[in-house]
PDB file of N, CA and C in Angstrom:
ATOM      1  N   UNK A   1     -37.663 -13.034  -0.752  1.00  0.00           N
ATOM      2  CA  UNK A   1     -36.513 -13.874  -0.538  1.00  0.00           C
ATOM      3  C   UNK A   1     -36.251 -13.967   0.960  1.00  0.00           C
ATOM      4  N   UNK A   2     -35.881 -15.157   1.378  1.00  0.00           N
ATOM      5  CA  UNK A   2     -35.578 -15.369   2.787  1.00  0.00           C
ATOM      6  C   UNK A   2     -34.232 -16.065   2.889  1.00  0.00           C
ATOM      7  N   UNK A   3     -33.225 -15.352   3.386  1.00  0.00           N
ATOM      8  CA  UNK A   3     -31.895 -15.934   3.535  1.00  0.00           C
ATOM      9  C   UNK A   3     -31.693 -16.420   4.963  1.00  0.00           C
ATOM     10  N   UNK A   4     -31.174 -17.617   5.074  1.00  0.00           N
ATOM     11  CA  UNK A   4     -30.828 -18.178   6.389  1.00  0.00           C
ATOM     12  C   UNK A   4     -29.319 -18.048   6.559  1.00  0.00           C
ATOM     13  N   UNK A   5     -28.895 -17.273   7.528  1.00  0.00           N
ATOM     14  CA  UNK A   5     -27.479 -17.118   7.816  1.00  0.00           C
ATOM     15  C   UNK A   5     -26.940 -18.428   8.372  1.00  0.00           C
ATOM     16  N   UNK A   6     -25.902 -18.940   7.751  1.00  0.00           N
ATOM     17  CA  UNK A   6     -25.254 -20.145   8.267  1.00  0.00           C
ATOM     18  C   UNK A   6     -24.122 -19.733   9.196  1.00  0.00           C
ATOM     19  N   UNK A   7     -23.192 -18.914   8.700  1.00  0.00           N
ATOM     20  CA  UNK A   7     -22.106 -18.433   9.567  1.00  0.00           C
ATOM     21  C   UNK A   7     -21.205 -17.460   8.824  1.00  0.00           C
ATOM     22  N   UNK A   8     -20.475 -16.693   9.613  1.00  0.00           N
ATOM     23  CA  UNK A   8     -19.409 -15.832   9.106  1.00  0.00           C
ATOM     24  C   UNK A   8     -18.078 -16.528   9.367  1.00  0.00           C
ATOM     25  N   UNK A   9     -17.047 -16.053   8.700  1.00  0.00           N
ATOM     26  CA  UNK A   9     -15.695 -16.556   8.930  1.00  0.00           C
ATOM     27  C   UNK A   9     -15.428 -16.502  10.436  1.00  0.00           C
ATOM     28  N   UNK A  10     -15.082 -17.631  11.044  1.00  0.00           N
ATOM     29  CA  UNK A  10     -14.897 -17.651  12.499  1.00  0.00           C
ATOM     30  C   UNK A  10     -13.709 -16.822  12.992  1.00  0.00           C
ATOM     31  N   UNK A  11     -12.832 -16.437  12.109  1.00  0.00           N
ATOM     32  CA  UNK A  11     -11.657 -15.669  12.530  1.00  0.00           C
ATOM     33  C   UNK A  11     -11.814 -14.172  12.299  1.00  0.00           C
ATOM     34  N   UNK A  12     -13.027 -13.723  12.028  1.00  0.00           N
ATOM     35  CA  UNK A  12     -13.232 -12.301  11.799  1.00  0.00           C
ATOM     36  C   UNK A  12     -13.120 -11.536  13.109  1.00  0.00           C
ATOM     37  N   UNK A  13     -12.620 -10.311  12.998  1.00  0.00           N
ATOM     38  CA  UNK A  13     -12.602  -9.461  14.181  1.00  0.00           C
ATOM     39  C   UNK A  13     -13.423  -8.201  13.958  1.00  0.00           C
ATOM     40  N   UNK A  14     -13.914  -8.031  12.733  1.00  0.00           N
ATOM     41  CA  UNK A  14     -14.687  -6.827  12.419  1.00  0.00           C
ATOM     42  C   UNK A  14     -16.131  -7.137  12.034  1.00  0.00           C
ATOM     43  N   UNK A  15     -16.448  -8.403  11.815  1.00  0.00           N
ATOM     44  CA  UNK A  15     -17.797  -8.760  11.392  1.00  0.00           C
ATOM     45  C   UNK A  15     -18.035  -8.565   9.913  1.00  0.00           C
ATOM     46  N   UNK A  16     -17.057  -8.034   9.216  1.00  0.00           N
ATOM     47  CA  UNK A  16     -17.177  -7.832   7.769  1.00  0.00           C
ATOM     48  C   UNK A  16     -16.284  -8.851   7.085  1.00  0.00           C
ATOM     49  N   UNK A  17     -16.767 -10.062   7.003  1.00  0.00           N
ATOM     50  CA  UNK A  17     -15.916 -11.147   6.552  1.00  0.00           C
ATOM     51  C   UNK A  17     -16.683 -12.064   5.615  1.00  0.00           C
ATOM     52  N   UNK A  18     -16.000 -13.037   5.034  1.00  0.00           N
ATOM     53  CA  UNK A  18     -16.731 -14.020   4.232  1.00  0.00           C
ATOM     54  C   UNK A  18     -17.887 -14.615   5.035  1.00  0.00           C
ATOM     55  N   UNK A  19     -19.000 -14.776   4.352  1.00  0.00           N
ATOM     56  CA  UNK A  19     -20.238 -15.218   4.995  1.00  0.00           C
ATOM     57  C   UNK A  19     -20.953 -16.191   4.075  1.00  0.00           C
ATOM     58  N   UNK A  20     -21.697 -17.133   4.660  1.00  0.00           N
ATOM     59  CA  UNK A  20     -22.463 -18.115   3.895  1.00  0.00           C
ATOM     60  C   UNK A  20     -23.913 -18.081   4.355  1.00  0.00           C
ATOM     61  N   UNK A  21     -24.829 -18.016   3.386  1.00  0.00           N
ATOM     62  CA  UNK A  21     -26.273 -18.089   3.630  1.00  0.00           C
ATOM     63  C   UNK A  21     -26.864 -19.182   2.744  1.00  0.00           C
ATOM     64  N   UNK A  22     -28.078 -19.602   3.061  1.00  0.00           N
ATOM     65  CA  UNK A  22     -28.876 -20.459   2.186  1.00  0.00           C
ATOM     66  C   UNK A  22     -30.169 -19.714   1.893  1.00  0.00           C
ATOM     67  N   UNK A  23     -30.510 -19.619   0.614  1.00  0.00           N
ATOM     68  CA  UNK A  23     -31.792 -19.041   0.212  1.00  0.00           C
ATOM     69  C   UNK A  23     -32.850 -20.097   0.486  1.00  0.00           C
ATOM     70  N   UNK A  24     -33.758 -19.812   1.387  1.00  0.00           N
ATOM     71  CA  UNK A  24     -34.733 -20.822   1.819  1.00  0.00           C
ATOM     72  C   UNK A  24     -35.822 -21.084   0.787  1.00  0.00           C
ATOM     73  N   UNK A  25     -35.927 -20.246  -0.222  1.00  0.00           N
ATOM     74  CA  UNK A  25     -36.912 -20.493  -1.289  1.00  0.00           C
ATOM     75  C   UNK A  25     -36.314 -21.307  -2.427  1.00  0.00           C
ATOM     76  N   UNK A  26     -35.101 -20.958  -2.849  1.00  0.00           N
ATOM     77  CA  UNK A  26     -34.485 -21.629  -3.995  1.00  0.00           C
ATOM     78  C   UNK A  26     -33.518 -22.729  -3.587  1.00  0.00           C
ATOM     79  N   UNK A  27     -33.143 -22.758  -2.310  1.00  0.00           N
ATOM     80  CA  UNK A  27     -32.191 -23.728  -1.762  1.00  0.00           C
ATOM     81  C   UNK A  27     -30.789 -23.552  -2.349  1.00  0.00           C
ATOM     82  N   UNK A  28     -30.477 -22.358  -2.770  1.00  0.00           N
ATOM     83  CA  UNK A  28     -29.163 -22.039  -3.314  1.00  0.00           C
ATOM     84  C   UNK A  28     -28.280 -21.449  -2.221  1.00  0.00           C
ATOM     85  N   UNK A  29     -26.977 -21.615  -2.389  1.00  0.00           N
ATOM     86  CA  UNK A  29     -26.023 -21.003  -1.475  1.00  0.00           C
ATOM     87  C   UNK A  29     -25.770 -19.573  -1.924  1.00  0.00           C
ATOM     88  N   UNK A  30     -25.641 -18.680  -0.973  1.00  0.00           N
ATOM     89  CA  UNK A  30     -25.274 -17.287  -1.226  1.00  0.00           C
ATOM     90  C   UNK A  30     -23.975 -17.059  -0.449  1.00  0.00           C
ATOM     91  N   UNK A  31     -22.934 -16.646  -1.170  1.00  0.00           N
ATOM     92  CA  UNK A  31     -21.605 -16.545  -0.584  1.00  0.00           C
ATOM     93  C   UNK A  31     -21.060 -15.130  -0.687  1.00  0.00           C
ATOM     94  N   UNK A  32     -20.511 -14.650   0.398  1.00  0.00           N
ATOM     95  CA  UNK A  32     -19.747 -13.406   0.400  1.00  0.00           C
ATOM     96  C   UNK A  32     -18.306 -13.819   0.625  1.00  0.00           C
ATOM     97  N   UNK A  33     -17.421 -13.354  -0.248  1.00  0.00           N
ATOM     98  CA  UNK A  33     -16.026 -13.729  -0.109  1.00  0.00           C
ATOM     99  C   UNK A  33     -15.107 -12.595  -0.502  1.00  0.00           C
ATOM    100  N   UNK A  34     -13.823 -12.892  -0.462  1.00  0.00           N
ATOM    101  CA  UNK A  34     -12.837 -11.887  -0.836  1.00  0.00           C
ATOM    102  C   UNK A  34     -12.747 -11.793  -2.343  1.00  0.00           C
ATOM    103  N   UNK A  35     -12.541 -10.594  -2.850  1.00  0.00           N
ATOM    104  CA  UNK A  35     -12.287 -10.415  -4.273  1.00  0.00           C
ATOM    105  C   UNK A  35     -10.984 -11.128  -4.621  1.00  0.00           C
ATOM    106  N   UNK A  36     -10.959 -11.713  -5.809  1.00  0.00           N
ATOM    107  CA  UNK A  36      -9.748 -12.410  -6.225  1.00  0.00           C
ATOM    108  C   UNK A  36      -8.805 -11.447  -6.941  1.00  0.00           C
ATOM    109  N   UNK A  37      -7.526 -11.817  -6.970  1.00  0.00           N
ATOM    110  CA  UNK A  37      -6.536 -10.986  -7.647  1.00  0.00           C
ATOM    111  C   UNK A  37      -6.479 -11.338  -9.138  1.00  0.00           C
ATOM    112  N   UNK A  38      -5.722 -10.558  -9.888  1.00  0.00           N
ATOM    113  CA  UNK A  38      -5.646 -10.732 -11.340  1.00  0.00           C
ATOM    114  C   UNK A  38      -5.081 -12.103 -11.728  1.00  0.00           C
ATOM    115  N   UNK A  39      -4.103 -12.598 -10.984  1.00  0.00           N
ATOM    116  CA  UNK A  39      -3.509 -13.896 -11.300  1.00  0.00           C
ATOM    117  C   UNK A  39      -4.529 -15.024 -11.115  1.00  0.00           C
ATOM    118  N   UNK A  40      -5.310 -14.948 -10.048  1.00  0.00           N
ATOM    119  CA  UNK A  40      -6.344 -15.958  -9.816  1.00  0.00           C
ATOM    120  C   UNK A  40      -7.412 -15.875 -10.899  1.00  0.00           C
ATOM    121  N   UNK A  41      -7.806 -14.657 -11.268  1.00  0.00           N
ATOM    122  CA  UNK A  41      -8.798 -14.489 -12.335  1.00  0.00           C
ATOM    123  C   UNK A  41      -8.284 -15.088 -13.638  1.00  0.00           C
ATOM    124  N   UNK A  42      -7.021 -14.867 -13.945  1.00  0.00           N
ATOM    125  CA  UNK A  42      -6.448 -15.433 -15.170  1.00  0.00           C
ATOM    126  C   UNK A  42      -6.534 -16.958 -15.165  1.00  0.00           C
ATOM    127  N   UNK A  43      -6.257 -17.562 -14.013  1.00  0.00           N
ATOM    128  CA  UNK A  43      -6.377 -19.020 -13.894  1.00  0.00           C
ATOM    129  C   UNK A  43      -7.824 -19.474 -14.099  1.00  0.00           C
ATOM    130  N   UNK A  44      -8.757 -18.751 -13.514  1.00  0.00           N
ATOM    131  CA  UNK A  44     -10.173 -19.097 -13.653  1.00  0.00           C
ATOM    132  C   UNK A  44     -10.621 -18.992 -15.107  1.00  0.00           C
ATOM    133  N   UNK A  45     -10.140 -17.986 -15.797  1.00  0.00           N
ATOM    134  CA  UNK A  45     -10.544 -17.760 -17.185  1.00  0.00           C
ATOM    135  C   UNK A  45     -10.040 -18.848 -18.127  1.00  0.00           C
ATOM    136  N   UNK A  46      -9.075 -19.644 -17.696  1.00  0.00           N
ATOM    137  CA  UNK A  46      -8.620 -20.763 -18.517  1.00  0.00           C
ATOM    138  C   UNK A  46      -9.733 -21.784 -18.727  1.00  0.00           C
ATOM    139  N   UNK A  47     -10.698 -21.822 -17.806  1.00  0.00           N
ATOM    140  CA  UNK A  47     -11.826 -22.753 -17.911  1.00  0.00           C
ATOM    141  C   UNK A  47     -12.937 -22.199 -18.798  1.00  0.00           C
ATOM    142  N   UNK A  48     -12.882 -20.914 -19.122  1.00  0.00           N
ATOM    143  CA  UNK A  48     -13.907 -20.287 -19.957  1.00  0.00           C
ATOM    144  C   UNK A  48     -14.234 -18.900 -19.447  1.00  0.00           C
ATOM    145  N   UNK A  49     -15.081 -18.214 -20.189  1.00  0.00           N
ATOM    146  CA  UNK A  49     -15.428 -16.842 -19.815  1.00  0.00           C
ATOM    147  C   UNK A  49     -16.255 -16.820 -18.536  1.00  0.00           C
ATOM    148  N   UNK A  50     -16.192 -15.708 -17.846  1.00  0.00           N
ATOM    149  CA  UNK A  50     -17.027 -15.468 -16.674  1.00  0.00           C
ATOM    150  C   UNK A  50     -17.937 -14.305 -17.049  1.00  0.00           C
ATOM    151  N   UNK A  51     -19.229 -14.573 -17.221  1.00  0.00           N
ATOM    152  CA  UNK A  51     -20.144 -13.510 -17.646  1.00  0.00           C
ATOM    153  C   UNK A  51     -20.164 -12.341 -16.667  1.00  0.00           C
ATOM    154  N   UNK A  52     -20.519 -11.174 -17.162  1.00  0.00           N
ATOM    155  CA  UNK A  52     -20.571  -9.969 -16.328  1.00  0.00           C
ATOM    156  C   UNK A  52     -21.521 -10.111 -15.145  1.00  0.00           C
ATOM    157  N   UNK A  53     -22.518 -10.986 -15.259  1.00  0.00           N
ATOM    158  CA  UNK A  53     -23.498 -11.137 -14.187  1.00  0.00           C
ATOM    159  C   UNK A  53     -23.069 -12.195 -13.162  1.00  0.00           C
ATOM    160  N   UNK A  54     -21.842 -12.720 -13.284  1.00  0.00           N
ATOM    161  CA  UNK A  54     -21.307 -13.680 -12.327  1.00  0.00           C
ATOM    162  C   UNK A  54     -20.024 -13.134 -11.711  1.00  0.00           C
ATOM    163  N   UNK A  55     -19.621 -13.706 -10.570  1.00  0.00           N
ATOM    164  CA  UNK A  55     -18.399 -13.289  -9.896  1.00  0.00           C
ATOM    165  C   UNK A  55     -17.697 -14.513  -9.317  1.00  0.00           C
ATOM    166  N   UNK A  56     -16.406 -14.412  -9.184  1.00  0.00           N
ATOM    167  CA  UNK A  56     -15.615 -15.438  -8.525  1.00  0.00           C
ATOM    168  C   UNK A  56     -15.124 -14.829  -7.220  1.00  0.00           C
ATOM    169  N   UNK A  57     -15.346 -15.531  -6.123  1.00  0.00           N
ATOM    170  CA  UNK A  57     -14.873 -15.059  -4.815  1.00  0.00           C
ATOM    171  C   UNK A  57     -14.046 -16.156  -4.166  1.00  0.00           C
ATOM    172  N   UNK A  58     -13.258 -15.757  -3.202  1.00  0.00           N
ATOM    173  CA  UNK A  58     -12.412 -16.706  -2.473  1.00  0.00           C
ATOM    174  C   UNK A  58     -12.906 -16.788  -1.023  1.00  0.00           C
ATOM    175  N   UNK A  59     -13.005 -18.029  -0.529  1.00  0.00           N
ATOM    176  CA  UNK A  59     -13.361 -18.269   0.869  1.00  0.00           C
ATOM    177  C   UNK A  59     -12.211 -19.022   1.521  1.00  0.00           C
ATOM    178  N   UNK A  60     -11.909 -18.729   2.785  1.00  0.00           N
ATOM    179  CA  UNK A  60     -10.797 -19.411   3.443  1.00  0.00           C
ATOM    180  C   UNK A  60     -11.131 -20.874   3.746  1.00  0.00           C
ATOM    181  N   UNK A  61     -10.096 -21.710   3.741  1.00  0.00           N
ATOM    182  CA  UNK A  61     -10.263 -23.137   4.012  1.00  0.00           C
ATOM    183  C   UNK A  61     -10.908 -23.386   5.371  1.00  0.00           C
ATOM    184  N   UNK A  62     -10.701 -22.478   6.314  1.00  0.00           N
ATOM    185  CA  UNK A  62     -11.292 -22.684   7.644  1.00  0.00           C
ATOM    186  C   UNK A  62     -12.819 -22.648   7.612  1.00  0.00           C
ATOM    187  N   UNK A  63     -13.395 -22.252   6.471  1.00  0.00           N
ATOM    188  CA  UNK A  63     -14.854 -22.213   6.342  1.00  0.00           C
ATOM    189  C   UNK A  63     -15.429 -23.470   5.700  1.00  0.00           C
ATOM    190  N   UNK A  64     -14.603 -24.474   5.459  1.00  0.00           N
ATOM    191  CA  UNK A  64     -15.086 -25.693   4.804  1.00  0.00           C
ATOM    192  C   UNK A  64     -16.262 -26.297   5.566  1.00  0.00           C
ATOM    193  N   UNK A  65     -16.170 -26.401   6.879  1.00  0.00           N
ATOM    194  CA  UNK A  65     -17.266 -26.981   7.666  1.00  0.00           C
ATOM    195  C   UNK A  65     -18.533 -26.135   7.537  1.00  0.00           C
ATOM    196  N   UNK A  66     -18.375 -24.828   7.475  1.00  0.00           N
ATOM    197  CA  UNK A  66     -19.523 -23.930   7.309  1.00  0.00           C
ATOM    198  C   UNK A  66     -20.193 -24.172   5.961  1.00  0.00           C
ATOM    199  N   UNK A  67     -19.395 -24.336   4.921  1.00  0.00           N
ATOM    200  CA  UNK A  67     -19.941 -24.591   3.589  1.00  0.00           C
ATOM    201  C   UNK A  67     -20.640 -25.942   3.555  1.00  0.00           C
ATOM    202  N   UNK A  68     -20.057 -26.938   4.229  1.00  0.00           N
ATOM    203  CA  UNK A  68     -20.721 -28.249   4.314  1.00  0.00           C
ATOM    204  C   UNK A  68     -22.079 -28.125   5.007  1.00  0.00           C
ATOM    205  N   UNK A  69     -22.108 -27.360   6.085  1.00  0.00           N
ATOM    206  CA  UNK A  69     -23.374 -27.165   6.803  1.00  0.00           C
ATOM    207  C   UNK A  69     -24.402 -26.508   5.888  1.00  0.00           C
ATOM    208  N   UNK A  70     -23.975 -25.504   5.137  1.00  0.00           N
ATOM    209  CA  UNK A  70     -24.893 -24.831   4.219  1.00  0.00           C
ATOM    210  C   UNK A  70     -25.401 -25.794   3.146  1.00  0.00           C
ATOM    211  N   UNK A  71     -24.520 -26.635   2.634  1.00  0.00           N
ATOM    212  CA  UNK A  71     -24.940 -27.626   1.641  1.00  0.00           C
ATOM    213  C   UNK A  71     -25.963 -28.588   2.236  1.00  0.00           C
ATOM    214  N   UNK A  72     -25.730 -29.027   3.463  1.00  0.00           N
ATOM    215  CA  UNK A  72     -26.676 -29.931   4.136  1.00  0.00           C
ATOM    216  C   UNK A  72     -28.032 -29.264   4.329  1.00  0.00           C
ATOM    217  N   UNK A  73     -28.032 -28.009   4.765  1.00  0.00           N
ATOM    218  CA  UNK A  73     -29.284 -27.273   4.958  1.00  0.00           C
ATOM    219  C   UNK A  73     -30.027 -27.146   3.631  1.00  0.00           C
ATOM    220  N   UNK A  74     -29.318 -26.747   2.592  1.00  0.00           N
ATOM    221  CA  UNK A  74     -29.947 -26.575   1.280  1.00  0.00           C
ATOM    222  C   UNK A  74     -30.504 -27.893   0.761  1.00  0.00           C
ATOM    223  N   UNK A  75     -29.748 -28.958   0.936  1.00  0.00           N
ATOM    224  CA  UNK A  75     -30.188 -30.261   0.454  1.00  0.00           C
ATOM    225  C   UNK A  75     -31.431 -30.734   1.210  1.00  0.00           C
ATOM    226  N   UNK A  76     -31.440 -30.584   2.533  1.00  0.00           N
ATOM    227  CA  UNK A  76     -32.605 -30.999   3.324  1.00  0.00           C
ATOM    228  C   UNK A  76     -33.848 -30.195   2.911  1.00  0.00           C
ATOM    229  N   UNK A  77     -33.684 -28.883   2.730  1.00  0.00           N
ATOM    230  CA  UNK A  77     -34.811 -28.025   2.340  1.00  0.00           C
ATOM    231  C   UNK A  77     -35.344 -28.442   0.970  1.00  0.00           C
ATOM    232  N   UNK A  78     -34.446 -28.723   0.042  1.00  0.00           N
ATOM    233  CA  UNK A  78     -34.859 -29.106  -1.311  1.00  0.00           C
ATOM    234  C   UNK A  78     -35.629 -30.433  -1.290  1.00  0.00           C
ATOM    235  N   UNK A  79     -35.243 -31.335  -0.413  1.00  0.00           N
ATOM    236  CA  UNK A  79     -35.914 -32.633  -0.325  1.00  0.00           C
ATOM    237  C   UNK A  79     -37.320 -32.511   0.244  1.00  0.00           C
ATOM    238  N   UNK A  80     -37.591 -31.438   0.979  1.00  0.00           N
ATOM    239  CA  UNK A  80     -38.922 -31.232   1.553  1.00  0.00           C
ATOM    240  C   UNK A  80     -39.925 -30.753   0.513  1.00  0.00           C
ATOM    241  N   UNK A  81     -39.454 -30.326  -0.605  1.00  0.00           N
ATOM    242  CA  UNK A  81     -40.343 -29.808  -1.670  1.00  0.00           C
ATOM    243  C   UNK A  81     -41.189 -30.869  -2.253  1.00  0.00           C
TER     244      UNK A  81
END
């Protein structure tokens, strides 16, 4: 597996923050985010179950441009296949 780092949360001061990567083989996004609280999980569960092998994370709105960049990278890589 080869992950391409797109960026970390620009407002981090410790380097341990939400982060976005693109898997260069599968062209999937890999996201590190904050754990959600029980109220948010309850809202998510209204849409259906969340399997044990999946997780819901929260990313700050200030990372929208970073996520767009990751989507663009993944899309361009997938088109090269």
